[in-house]
Amino acid sequence: MMPDIFRTTHTILPPPIGDIEYVYSDEQIIIVDKPANMLSVPGRTPDKQDCLIHRVQKRFPEARIVHRLDFSTSGLMVIAQNRESHRRLGRQFENRDTEKTYVARVYGQPDQTSGVLDLPLRCDWERRPLQIIDHQLGKKALTHWRIVERLENSCFVELSPTTGRTHQLRVHMQAMGHPILGDELYAHEAAYLMADRLYLHANELAINHPVENNRMTFFSTNKPF
């Protein structure tokens, strides 16, 4: 059963859990570790202007956003330092030349230890920002998963999306019957109450340097949750 969408509407956004950590920077790129409860880009209203890219631009004025993480998701992001690097990095994401690995804690115990979820997604326009599985109108969405550690009523999983659809990992885990703990959009009540935030963290990011073209892999040093 889909959780009550009104549970997801924040009258006042909760404060970030920690601050931005700078993992790497050169003349072309910046790698940051985004805290949970921080917008990647500004929202439409005045109270949603504090965000990752605005904070990064205070230190790197020419910084440009390349991709996003959900407000509730923490972890690694790459940011471009100039227009050309922004264009080249954007092309990598479009062509799926990047690799992203997430760690999550999910409700219950999957029977298998690993698998692949191939479930197309589209926006549920009447209940935005919710996404839904639609085998006729949805866009292809592919997620590889494997269990890292089993706990009593939950488990840690590693999630590797091949595509980058909105809320892909969150919807796929819900569809599997094991929603991510603390997910205010897709978890049922028991899973939602088991965590104080969304237990989803972008733990690893691999890109090609936009100028030197060498493969670069970055790992988060933060304890995800």
Protein backbone atom coordinates (compact mmCIF):
# COMPACT_ATOMS: atom_id res chain seq x y z
CA MET A 1 0.00 0.00 0.00
CA MET A 2 1.32 3.44 -0.96
CA PRO A 3 2.01 5.63 2.08
CA ASP A 4 0.03 8.80 2.62
CA ILE A 5 1.54 11.42 0.29
CA PHE A 6 0.74 14.16 2.81
CA ARG A 7 3.32 12.59 5.12
CA THR A 8 5.94 13.68 2.59
CA THR A 9 5.10 17.37 2.44
CA HIS A 10 7.50 19.36 4.61
CA THR A 11 6.08 22.71 5.69
CA ILE A 12 9.58 23.54 6.87
CA LEU A 13 12.48 21.52 5.50
CA PRO A 14 14.42 19.66 8.20
CA PRO A 15 18.01 20.87 8.59
CA PRO A 16 20.89 19.05 6.87
CA ILE A 17 22.48 16.21 8.80
CA GLY A 18 26.03 17.54 8.82
CA ASP A 19 27.74 19.67 6.18
CA ILE A 20 29.22 19.19 2.72
CA GLU A 21 32.53 17.34 2.64
CA TYR A 22 34.96 18.05 -0.19
CA VAL A 23 36.50 14.80 -1.37
CA TYR A 24 38.51 16.03 -4.38
CA SER A 25 38.93 19.08 -6.60
CA ASP A 26 41.02 20.25 -9.54
CA GLU A 27 40.51 22.86 -12.27
CA GLN A 28 37.80 20.79 -13.94
CA ILE A 29 35.79 18.92 -11.31
CA ILE A 30 34.79 18.88 -7.65
CA ILE A 31 33.73 15.74 -5.81
CA VAL A 32 31.54 16.36 -2.77
CA ASP A 33 29.82 14.20 -0.18
CA LYS A 34 26.31 15.61 0.26
CA PRO A 35 24.65 15.32 3.67
CA ALA A 36 21.13 13.99 3.98
CA ASN A 37 18.34 16.60 4.09
CA MET A 38 19.97 19.02 1.68
CA LEU A 39 18.60 20.06 -1.71
CA SER A 40 20.99 19.55 -4.63
CA VAL A 41 19.62 22.67 -6.40
CA PRO A 42 17.37 25.49 -5.19
CA GLY A 43 13.61 25.09 -5.07
CA ARG A 44 11.08 27.57 -6.39
CA THR A 45 10.23 29.29 -3.10
CA PRO A 46 12.44 31.62 -1.03
CA ASP A 47 12.70 29.11 1.83
CA LYS A 48 14.27 26.52 -0.52
CA GLN A 49 17.28 28.51 -1.72
CA ASP A 50 19.81 26.96 0.64
CA CYS A 51 21.18 24.02 -1.33
CA LEU A 52 24.34 22.16 -2.20
CA ILE A 53 25.22 24.06 -5.38
CA HIS A 54 24.76 27.48 -3.74
CA ARG A 55 27.01 26.45 -0.86
CA VAL A 56 29.64 25.04 -3.22
CA GLN A 57 29.59 28.24 -5.30
CA LYS A 58 30.63 30.24 -2.26
CA ARG A 59 33.93 28.35 -2.42
CA PHE A 60 34.03 27.65 -6.18
CA PRO A 61 32.11 30.49 -7.91
CA GLU A 62 32.03 28.83 -11.34
CA ALA A 63 30.69 25.50 -10.07
CA ARG A 64 27.91 23.91 -12.16
CA ILE A 65 25.58 21.10 -11.16
CA VAL A 66 25.88 17.93 -13.28
CA HIS A 67 23.48 15.50 -11.62
CA ARG A 68 21.38 15.39 -8.45
CA LEU A 69 20.68 13.36 -5.38
CA ASP A 70 17.29 13.44 -3.69
CA PHE A 71 16.89 15.79 -0.73
CA SER A 72 16.88 12.85 1.69
CA THR A 73 19.75 10.93 0.06
CA SER A 74 23.35 11.45 1.11
CA GLY A 75 26.58 10.70 -0.70
CA LEU A 76 28.93 11.44 -3.57
CA MET A 77 28.29 13.92 -6.38
CA VAL A 78 30.51 15.34 -9.12
CA ILE A 79 30.29 19.05 -9.91
CA ALA A 80 31.82 20.77 -12.95
CA GLN A 81 34.16 23.73 -12.65
CA ASN A 82 33.43 25.20 -16.10
CA ARG A 83 31.07 25.00 -19.05
CA GLU A 84 33.08 22.52 -21.13
CA SER A 85 33.58 20.10 -18.27
CA HIS A 86 29.89 20.40 -17.49
CA ARG A 87 29.05 19.44 -21.08
CA ARG A 88 31.42 16.46 -21.12
CA LEU A 89 30.32 15.15 -17.74
CA GLY A 90 26.68 15.55 -18.69
CA ARG A 91 27.30 13.45 -21.78
CA GLN A 92 28.83 10.71 -19.63
CA PHE A 93 25.67 10.53 -17.53
CA GLU A 94 23.48 10.52 -20.63
CA ASN A 95 25.55 7.71 -22.20
CA ARG A 96 25.69 5.75 -18.91
CA ASP A 97 29.48 5.90 -18.83
CA THR A 98 29.44 6.66 -15.10
CA GLU A 99 29.13 4.04 -12.38
CA LYS A 100 27.27 4.68 -9.13
CA THR A 101 26.98 2.36 -6.17
CA TYR A 102 24.68 3.01 -3.23
CA VAL A 103 24.30 1.37 0.15
CA ALA A 104 20.87 1.15 1.73
CA ARG A 105 19.20 -0.51 4.67
CA VAL A 106 15.92 -2.12 3.71
CA TYR A 107 12.99 -3.66 5.51
CA GLY A 108 12.79 -7.42 5.93
CA GLN A 109 14.79 -10.24 4.37
CA PRO A 110 14.91 -10.97 0.64
CA ASP A 111 14.97 -14.68 -0.11
CA GLN A 112 17.82 -14.34 -2.60
CA THR A 113 21.23 -12.77 -1.99
CA SER A 114 21.35 -10.77 -5.23
CA GLY A 115 19.34 -9.98 -8.31
CA VAL A 116 18.33 -7.52 -11.00
CA LEU A 117 15.20 -5.35 -11.07
CA ASP A 118 14.07 -4.38 -14.57
CA LEU A 119 10.96 -2.28 -13.93
CA PRO A 120 10.10 0.77 -16.08
CA LEU A 121 9.20 4.00 -14.28
CA ARG A 122 7.21 7.13 -14.92
CA CYS A 123 5.95 10.06 -12.89
CA ASP A 124 2.60 9.67 -11.15
CA TRP A 125 1.39 13.05 -12.38
CA GLU A 126 -1.61 13.22 -10.07
CA ARG A 127 0.59 12.59 -7.01
CA ARG A 128 3.87 14.23 -7.91
CA PRO A 129 6.70 13.76 -6.97
CA LEU A 130 5.78 10.08 -6.69
CA GLN A 131 7.06 7.71 -9.37
CA ILE A 132 5.30 4.50 -10.34
CA ILE A 133 6.04 1.34 -12.31
CA ASP A 134 4.33 1.34 -15.70
CA HIS A 135 5.16 -1.44 -18.16
CA GLN A 136 3.44 0.39 -21.03
CA LEU A 137 4.39 4.06 -20.58
CA GLY A 138 7.37 3.90 -18.22
CA LYS A 139 11.00 4.47 -19.17
CA LYS A 140 13.47 1.63 -18.77
CA ALA A 141 14.93 1.39 -15.27
CA LEU A 142 17.47 -1.27 -14.29
CA THR A 143 18.93 -1.88 -10.82
CA HIS A 144 21.40 -4.54 -9.66
CA TRP A 145 21.25 -5.40 -5.96
CA ARG A 146 23.02 -7.67 -3.51
CA ILE A 147 22.81 -8.23 0.22
CA VAL A 148 25.82 -7.06 2.22
CA GLU A 149 24.65 -7.95 5.73
CA ARG A 150 21.49 -9.49 7.19
CA LEU A 151 20.12 -8.10 10.45
CA GLU A 152 17.13 -9.16 12.54
CA ASN A 153 14.34 -7.27 10.76
CA SER A 154 16.29 -5.59 7.98
CA CYS A 155 19.40 -5.89 5.88
CA PHE A 156 22.09 -3.78 4.27
CA VAL A 157 22.10 -3.95 0.48
CA GLU A 158 24.36 -2.62 -2.25
CA LEU A 159 22.45 -1.05 -5.13
CA SER A 160 23.96 -0.37 -8.56
CA PRO A 161 21.62 1.42 -10.97
CA THR A 162 22.35 1.11 -14.68
CA THR A 163 19.85 3.87 -15.42
CA GLY A 164 19.25 7.03 -13.43
CA ARG A 165 15.50 7.51 -13.19
CA THR A 166 13.96 9.70 -10.50
CA HIS A 167 13.50 7.74 -7.24
CA GLN A 168 14.58 4.58 -9.09
CA LEU A 169 16.18 2.78 -6.16
CA ARG A 170 13.40 3.74 -3.78
CA VAL A 171 10.61 2.51 -6.06
CA HIS A 172 12.44 -0.65 -7.06
CA MET A 173 13.06 -1.69 -3.47
CA GLN A 174 9.43 -0.96 -2.58
CA ALA A 175 8.28 -3.04 -5.55
CA MET A 176 10.50 -5.87 -4.36
CA GLY A 177 8.67 -5.79 -1.04
CA HIS A 178 11.64 -4.42 0.91
CA PRO A 179 11.34 -0.61 1.07
CA ILE A 180 14.26 1.49 2.23
CA LEU A 181 14.00 2.36 5.90
CA GLY A 182 12.91 5.92 6.66
CA ASP A 183 11.59 6.50 3.14
CA GLU A 184 8.92 9.16 3.58
CA LEU A 185 7.61 8.58 0.05
CA TYR A 186 7.54 4.84 -0.49
CA ALA A 187 7.95 2.96 2.81
CA HIS A 188 5.03 1.52 4.71
CA GLU A 189 4.60 2.69 8.30
CA ALA A 190 6.75 0.02 9.95
CA ALA A 191 9.70 0.62 7.59
CA TYR A 192 9.30 4.40 7.78
CA LEU A 193 9.45 4.41 11.58
CA MET A 194 12.54 2.20 11.78
CA ALA A 195 14.89 5.05 10.84
CA ASP A 196 15.32 8.75 11.54
CA ARG A 197 16.07 9.53 7.88
CA LEU A 198 16.13 7.85 4.48
CA TYR A 199 18.77 5.12 4.76
CA LEU A 200 20.19 5.57 1.26
CA HIS A 201 23.75 6.73 0.60
CA ALA A 202 25.71 7.17 -2.66
CA ASN A 203 28.84 5.34 -1.58
CA GLU A 204 30.91 5.05 -4.76
CA LEU A 205 31.20 7.10 -7.96
CA ALA A 206 33.30 6.39 -11.06
CA ILE A 207 33.70 8.89 -13.91
CA ASN A 208 36.09 9.69 -16.73
CA HIS A 209 38.00 12.92 -16.12
CA PRO A 210 36.48 15.45 -18.56
CA VAL A 211 39.89 16.62 -19.86
CA GLU A 212 42.44 13.89 -19.12
CA ASN A 213 39.88 11.12 -19.79
CA ASN A 214 41.38 8.78 -17.17
CA ARG A 215 38.98 6.70 -15.12
CA MET A 216 38.55 8.05 -11.60
CA THR A 217 36.77 6.20 -8.79
CA PHE A 218 35.82 7.90 -5.54
CA PHE A 219 34.62 6.37 -2.28
CA SER A 220 32.68 8.01 0.52
CA THR A 221 34.49 7.97 3.84
CA ASN A 222 31.36 8.89 5.79
CA LYS A 223 29.47 6.31 7.80
CA PRO A 224 26.22 6.26 5.82
CA PHE A 225 23.82 5.78 8.78
